[in-house]
């Protein structure tokens, strides 16, 4: 456990170098409360399973969210980070507006950078990439930009879900499930 605490301080100091607006985060300097919680390094490795999520994005996500039980639903992470579209409903009209940009701007930037990698040609083939490319294709003039923001929101939701459940990430989960259904139906 002592080695884990030393690594946490090293990671925290790296985080301070990369993020000048660092706020005091007591989570990193304290050991896990019970044996069921994941160690910091295990958690970081769990989040880095997702293509496009490196050590800096995983670290930023962990330090910003702080507690996995902070949100009842993983969908709330997108709203917390400010990647939810604004709403201005009037009668039957529901225009699509810009994102709210509430929450931590650094985490939002990191998630968008991860999403740009996922959608790019270099990104691994995943359900998230396929969904983002579909949005970009049918999104009109600014389709790719809207798709990147949508993928960033889903990436935040996915990272929180992995943190809460501790599951192993399956890149083509939906694609494989559809193939199974077609085999059963045939």
C-alpha atoms as a PDB file:
ATOM      1  CA  UNK A   1       0.000   0.000   0.000  1.00  0.00           C
ATOM      2  CA  UNK A   2       2.930   2.354   0.660  1.00  0.00           C
ATOM      3  CA  UNK A   3       4.121   1.912  -2.928  1.00  0.00           C
ATOM      4  CA  UNK A   4       0.623   2.771  -4.175  1.00  0.00           C
ATOM      5  CA  UNK A   5       0.645   6.032  -2.170  1.00  0.00           C
ATOM      6  CA  UNK A   6       4.032   7.016  -3.627  1.00  0.00           C
ATOM      7  CA  UNK A   7       2.724   6.426  -7.145  1.00  0.00           C
ATOM      8  CA  UNK A   8      -0.354   8.502  -6.377  1.00  0.00           C
ATOM      9  CA  UNK A   9       1.802  11.462  -5.340  1.00  0.00           C
ATOM     10  CA  UNK A  10       3.902  11.124  -8.504  1.00  0.00           C
ATOM     11  CA  UNK A  11       0.783  11.052 -10.643  1.00  0.00           C
ATOM     12  CA  UNK A  12      -0.645  14.033  -8.763  1.00  0.00           C
ATOM     13  CA  UNK A  13       2.514  16.071  -9.322  1.00  0.00           C
ATOM     14  CA  UNK A  14       2.370  15.259 -13.065  1.00  0.00           C
ATOM     15  CA  UNK A  15      -1.252  16.353 -13.073  1.00  0.00           C
ATOM     16  CA  UNK A  16      -0.303  19.649 -11.440  1.00  0.00           C
ATOM     17  CA  UNK A  17       2.271  20.282 -14.169  1.00  0.00           C
ATOM     18  CA  UNK A  18      -0.245  19.693 -16.953  1.00  0.00           C
ATOM     19  CA  UNK A  19      -3.150  21.517 -15.362  1.00  0.00           C
ATOM     20  CA  UNK A  20      -2.376  24.936 -13.886  1.00  0.00           C
ATOM     21  CA  UNK A  21      -5.882  25.387 -12.448  1.00  0.00           C
ATOM     22  CA  UNK A  22      -5.529  22.326 -10.200  1.00  0.00           C
ATOM     23  CA  UNK A  23      -7.750  22.349  -7.131  1.00  0.00           C
ATOM     24  CA  UNK A  24      -6.959  20.411  -3.975  1.00  0.00           C
ATOM     25  CA  UNK A  25      -8.146  16.828  -4.336  1.00  0.00           C
ATOM     26  CA  UNK A  26      -8.026  14.792  -1.094  1.00  0.00           C
ATOM     27  CA  UNK A  27      -9.030  11.565  -2.901  1.00  0.00           C
ATOM     28  CA  UNK A  28      -5.592  10.965  -4.386  1.00  0.00           C
ATOM     29  CA  UNK A  29      -3.691  11.292  -1.116  1.00  0.00           C
ATOM     30  CA  UNK A  30      -5.934   8.928   0.832  1.00  0.00           C
ATOM     31  CA  UNK A  31      -5.826   5.140   0.526  1.00  0.00           C
ATOM     32  CA  UNK A  32      -9.015   3.282  -0.412  1.00  0.00           C
ATOM     33  CA  UNK A  33     -11.502   3.027   2.459  1.00  0.00           C
ATOM     34  CA  UNK A  34     -12.467  -0.619   2.045  1.00  0.00           C
ATOM     35  CA  UNK A  35     -11.099  -3.651   0.259  1.00  0.00           C
ATOM     36  CA  UNK A  36     -13.872  -3.645  -2.370  1.00  0.00           C
ATOM     37  CA  UNK A  37     -12.793  -0.322  -3.859  1.00  0.00           C
ATOM     38  CA  UNK A  38     -10.305  -0.366  -6.696  1.00  0.00           C
ATOM     39  CA  UNK A  39      -6.779   0.895  -6.153  1.00  0.00           C
ATOM     40  CA  UNK A  40      -5.897   4.042  -8.036  1.00  0.00           C
ATOM     41  CA  UNK A  41      -3.569   2.330 -10.500  1.00  0.00           C
ATOM     42  CA  UNK A  42      -6.076  -0.444 -11.191  1.00  0.00           C
ATOM     43  CA  UNK A  43      -8.766   2.151 -11.811  1.00  0.00           C
ATOM     44  CA  UNK A  44      -6.552   4.088 -14.199  1.00  0.00           C
ATOM     45  CA  UNK A  45      -5.754   0.882 -16.109  1.00  0.00           C
ATOM     46  CA  UNK A  46      -9.473   0.039 -16.204  1.00  0.00           C
ATOM     47  CA  UNK A  47     -10.303   3.379 -17.830  1.00  0.00           C
ATOM     48  CA  UNK A  48      -7.385   3.156 -20.254  1.00  0.00           C
ATOM     49  CA  UNK A  49      -8.904   0.033 -21.833  1.00  0.00           C
ATOM     50  CA  UNK A  50     -10.952   2.360 -24.024  1.00  0.00           C
ATOM     51  CA  UNK A  51      -9.137   3.365 -27.215  1.00  0.00           C
ATOM     52  CA  UNK A  52      -8.452   7.100 -27.158  1.00  0.00           C
ATOM     53  CA  UNK A  53      -8.154   7.261 -23.365  1.00  0.00           C
ATOM     54  CA  UNK A  54      -4.580   7.660 -22.220  1.00  0.00           C
ATOM     55  CA  UNK A  55      -3.113   8.238 -18.781  1.00  0.00           C
ATOM     56  CA  UNK A  56      -3.832  11.963 -18.806  1.00  0.00           C
ATOM     57  CA  UNK A  57      -7.513  11.604 -19.744  1.00  0.00           C
ATOM     58  CA  UNK A  58      -7.998   8.803 -17.205  1.00  0.00           C
ATOM     59  CA  UNK A  59      -6.263  10.825 -14.496  1.00  0.00           C
ATOM     60  CA  UNK A  60      -8.243  13.966 -15.281  1.00  0.00           C
ATOM     61  CA  UNK A  61     -11.493  12.005 -15.193  1.00  0.00           C
ATOM     62  CA  UNK A  62     -10.694  10.369 -11.839  1.00  0.00           C
ATOM     63  CA  UNK A  63      -9.554  13.610 -10.199  1.00  0.00           C
ATOM     64  CA  UNK A  64     -12.498  15.642 -11.460  1.00  0.00           C
ATOM     65  CA  UNK A  65     -15.263  13.158 -10.652  1.00  0.00           C
ATOM     66  CA  UNK A  66     -13.583  12.120  -7.346  1.00  0.00           C
ATOM     67  CA  UNK A  67     -16.304   9.689  -6.231  1.00  0.00           C
ATOM     68  CA  UNK A  68     -17.966   7.085  -8.445  1.00  0.00           C
ATOM     69  CA  UNK A  69     -21.142   7.272  -6.334  1.00  0.00           C
ATOM     70  CA  UNK A  70     -21.506  10.987  -6.989  1.00  0.00           C
ATOM     71  CA  UNK A  71     -24.028  10.289  -9.759  1.00  0.00           C
ATOM     72  CA  UNK A  72     -27.030   7.984  -9.610  1.00  0.00           C
ATOM     73  CA  UNK A  73     -26.901   7.402 -13.362  1.00  0.00           C
ATOM     74  CA  UNK A  74     -23.842   7.473 -15.595  1.00  0.00           C
ATOM     75  CA  UNK A  75     -25.743   9.749 -17.995  1.00  0.00           C
ATOM     76  CA  UNK A  76     -25.459  12.546 -15.449  1.00  0.00           C
ATOM     77  CA  UNK A  77     -21.709  12.744 -16.109  1.00  0.00           C
ATOM     78  CA  UNK A  78     -22.359  14.292 -19.534  1.00  0.00           C
ATOM     79  CA  UNK A  79     -24.432  17.036 -17.928  1.00  0.00           C
ATOM     80  CA  UNK A  80     -21.856  17.568 -15.173  1.00  0.00           C
ATOM     81  CA  UNK A  81     -19.072  18.093 -17.688  1.00  0.00           C
ATOM     82  CA  UNK A  82     -21.194  20.412 -19.833  1.00  0.00           C
ATOM     83  CA  UNK A  83     -21.574  18.242 -22.915  1.00  0.00           C
ATOM     84  CA  UNK A  84     -25.381  18.308 -22.910  1.00  0.00           C
ATOM     85  CA  UNK A  85     -27.197  20.460 -25.494  1.00  0.00           C
ATOM     86  CA  UNK A  86     -29.003  23.521 -24.164  1.00  0.00           C
ATOM     87  CA  UNK A  87     -32.796  23.431 -24.149  1.00  0.00           C
ATOM     88  CA  UNK A  88     -35.156  26.183 -25.137  1.00  0.00           C
ATOM     89  CA  UNK A  89     -38.512  24.566 -25.811  1.00  0.00           C
ATOM     90  CA  UNK A  90     -41.320  26.720 -27.082  1.00  0.00           C
ATOM     91  CA  UNK A  91     -44.577  25.040 -27.977  1.00  0.00           C
ATOM     92  CA  UNK A  92     -43.906  22.395 -30.612  1.00  0.00           C
ATOM     93  CA  UNK A  93     -40.449  23.794 -31.409  1.00  0.00           C
ATOM     94  CA  UNK A  94     -37.404  22.078 -29.882  1.00  0.00           C
ATOM     95  CA  UNK A  95     -34.380  23.643 -31.571  1.00  0.00           C
ATOM     96  CA  UNK A  96     -30.994  21.954 -31.323  1.00  0.00           C
ATOM     97  CA  UNK A  97     -28.751  24.403 -29.475  1.00  0.00           C
ATOM     98  CA  UNK A  98     -25.092  24.492 -28.457  1.00  0.00           C
ATOM     99  CA  UNK A  99     -23.720  22.601 -25.454  1.00  0.00           C
ATOM    100  CA  UNK A 100     -24.082  24.123 -21.985  1.00  0.00           C
ATOM    101  CA  UNK A 101     -20.319  24.253 -21.205  1.00  0.00           C
ATOM    102  CA  UNK A 102     -21.036  23.920 -17.496  1.00  0.00           C
ATOM    103  CA  UNK A 103     -18.612  22.066 -15.266  1.00  0.00           C
ATOM    104  CA  UNK A 104     -14.897  21.524 -15.605  1.00  0.00           C
ATOM    105  CA  UNK A 105     -13.523  22.923 -18.890  1.00  0.00           C
ATOM    106  CA  UNK A 106     -10.301  20.884 -18.711  1.00  0.00           C
ATOM    107  CA  UNK A 107     -12.088  17.539 -18.436  1.00  0.00           C
ATOM    108  CA  UNK A 108     -14.426  18.585 -21.247  1.00  0.00           C
ATOM    109  CA  UNK A 109     -11.387  19.428 -23.416  1.00  0.00           C
ATOM    110  CA  UNK A 110      -9.730  16.109 -22.627  1.00  0.00           C
ATOM    111  CA  UNK A 111     -12.892  14.141 -23.449  1.00  0.00           C
ATOM    112  CA  UNK A 112     -13.237  16.007 -26.755  1.00  0.00           C
ATOM    113  CA  UNK A 113      -9.614  15.211 -27.623  1.00  0.00           C
ATOM    114  CA  UNK A 114     -10.227  11.550 -26.845  1.00  0.00           C
ATOM    115  CA  UNK A 115     -13.355  11.635 -29.006  1.00  0.00           C
ATOM    116  CA  UNK A 116     -11.430  13.173 -31.899  1.00  0.00           C
ATOM    117  CA  UNK A 117      -8.967  10.297 -31.741  1.00  0.00           C
ATOM    118  CA  UNK A 118     -11.769   7.728 -31.589  1.00  0.00           C
ATOM    119  CA  UNK A 119     -13.474   9.140 -34.708  1.00  0.00           C
ATOM    120  CA  UNK A 120     -10.217   9.545 -36.642  1.00  0.00           C
ATOM    121  CA  UNK A 121      -8.793   6.931 -38.990  1.00  0.00           C
ATOM    122  CA  UNK A 122      -6.217   5.947 -36.361  1.00  0.00           C
ATOM    123  CA  UNK A 123      -8.888   5.112 -33.796  1.00  0.00           C
ATOM    124  CA  UNK A 124      -9.724   1.452 -33.203  1.00  0.00           C
ATOM    125  CA  UNK A 125     -12.935  -0.015 -34.603  1.00  0.00           C
ATOM    126  CA  UNK A 126     -15.506   0.249 -31.816  1.00  0.00           C
ATOM    127  CA  UNK A 127     -19.245   0.719 -31.444  1.00  0.00           C
ATOM    128  CA  UNK A 128     -18.546   4.269 -30.278  1.00  0.00           C
ATOM    129  CA  UNK A 129     -16.580   5.042 -33.450  1.00  0.00           C
ATOM    130  CA  UNK A 130     -19.242   3.551 -35.705  1.00  0.00           C
ATOM    131  CA  UNK A 131     -21.959   5.564 -33.967  1.00  0.00           C
ATOM    132  CA  UNK A 132     -19.888   8.770 -34.220  1.00  0.00           C
ATOM    133  CA  UNK A 133     -19.141   8.249 -37.913  1.00  0.00           C
ATOM    134  CA  UNK A 134     -22.839   7.627 -38.554  1.00  0.00           C
ATOM    135  CA  UNK A 135     -23.673  10.933 -36.844  1.00  0.00           C
ATOM    136  CA  UNK A 136     -20.973  12.735 -38.818  1.00  0.00           C
ATOM    137  CA  UNK A 137     -22.226  11.309 -42.095  1.00  0.00           C
ATOM    138  CA  UNK A 138     -25.839  12.386 -41.499  1.00  0.00           C
ATOM    139  CA  UNK A 139     -25.103  15.589 -39.575  1.00  0.00           C
ATOM    140  CA  UNK A 140     -24.973  18.095 -42.394  1.00  0.00           C
ATOM    141  CA  UNK A 141     -22.445  20.882 -42.738  1.00  0.00           C
ATOM    142  CA  UNK A 142     -21.053  20.719 -39.192  1.00  0.00           C
ATOM    143  CA  UNK A 143     -21.729  17.020 -38.751  1.00  0.00           C
ATOM    144  CA  UNK A 144     -18.225  15.984 -37.739  1.00  0.00           C
ATOM    145  CA  UNK A 145     -17.980  18.662 -35.034  1.00  0.00           C
ATOM    146  CA  UNK A 146     -21.344  17.670 -33.589  1.00  0.00           C
ATOM    147  CA  UNK A 147     -20.352  14.009 -33.738  1.00  0.00           C
ATOM    148  CA  UNK A 148     -17.123  14.676 -31.827  1.00  0.00           C
ATOM    149  CA  UNK A 149     -19.034  16.396 -29.019  1.00  0.00           C
ATOM    150  CA  UNK A 150     -21.615  13.591 -28.933  1.00  0.00           C
ATOM    151  CA  UNK A 151     -18.870  10.950 -28.785  1.00  0.00           C
ATOM    152  CA  UNK A 152     -17.116  12.929 -26.030  1.00  0.00           C
ATOM    153  CA  UNK A 153     -20.336  12.876 -23.988  1.00  0.00           C
ATOM    154  CA  UNK A 154     -20.737   9.136 -24.522  1.00  0.00           C
ATOM    155  CA  UNK A 155     -17.060   8.622 -23.666  1.00  0.00           C
ATOM    156  CA  UNK A 156     -17.585  10.306 -20.298  1.00  0.00           C
ATOM    157  CA  UNK A 157     -20.632   8.141 -19.672  1.00  0.00           C
ATOM    158  CA  UNK A 158     -18.711   5.015 -20.677  1.00  0.00           C
ATOM    159  CA  UNK A 159     -15.763   5.835 -18.409  1.00  0.00           C
ATOM    160  CA  UNK A 160     -18.078   6.363 -15.439  1.00  0.00           C
ATOM    161  CA  UNK A 161     -19.911   3.111 -16.180  1.00  0.00           C
ATOM    162  CA  UNK A 162     -16.626   1.198 -16.320  1.00  0.00           C
ATOM    163  CA  UNK A 163     -15.585   2.784 -13.012  1.00  0.00           C
ATOM    164  CA  UNK A 164     -18.858   1.872 -11.285  1.00  0.00           C
ATOM    165  CA  UNK A 165     -19.143  -1.703 -12.557  1.00  0.00           C
ATOM    166  CA  UNK A 166     -15.455  -2.586 -12.916  1.00  0.00           C
ATOM    167  CA  UNK A 167     -16.274  -4.477 -16.125  1.00  0.00           C
ATOM    168  CA  UNK A 168     -13.832  -5.266 -18.882  1.00  0.00           C
ATOM    169  CA  UNK A 169     -14.431  -2.992 -21.872  1.00  0.00           C
ATOM    170  CA  UNK A 170     -15.824  -4.692 -24.984  1.00  0.00           C
ATOM    171  CA  UNK A 171     -15.192  -2.432 -28.011  1.00  0.00           C
ATOM    172  CA  UNK A 172     -17.752  -4.105 -30.290  1.00  0.00           C
ATOM    173  CA  UNK A 173     -20.359  -5.132 -27.721  1.00  0.00           C
ATOM    174  CA  UNK A 174     -23.429  -3.962 -29.660  1.00  0.00           C
ATOM    175  CA  UNK A 175     -22.094  -5.265 -32.978  1.00  0.00           C
ATOM    176  CA  UNK A 176     -21.445  -8.716 -31.494  1.00  0.00           C
ATOM    177  CA  UNK A 177     -24.875  -8.767 -29.823  1.00  0.00           C
ATOM    178  CA  UNK A 178     -26.561  -8.016 -33.169  1.00  0.00           C
ATOM    179  CA  UNK A 179     -24.628 -10.827 -34.843  1.00  0.00           C
ATOM    180  CA  UNK A 180     -25.742 -13.237 -32.108  1.00  0.00           C
ATOM    181  CA  UNK A 181     -29.380 -12.203 -32.630  1.00  0.00           C
ATOM    182  CA  UNK A 182     -29.182 -12.774 -36.364  1.00  0.00           C
ATOM    183  CA  UNK A 183     -27.672 -16.248 -35.785  1.00  0.00           C
ATOM    184  CA  UNK A 184     -30.492 -17.149 -33.399  1.00  0.00           C
ATOM    185  CA  UNK A 185     -33.155 -15.777 -35.763  1.00  0.00           C
ATOM    186  CA  UNK A 186     -31.743 -17.722 -38.738  1.00  0.00           C
END
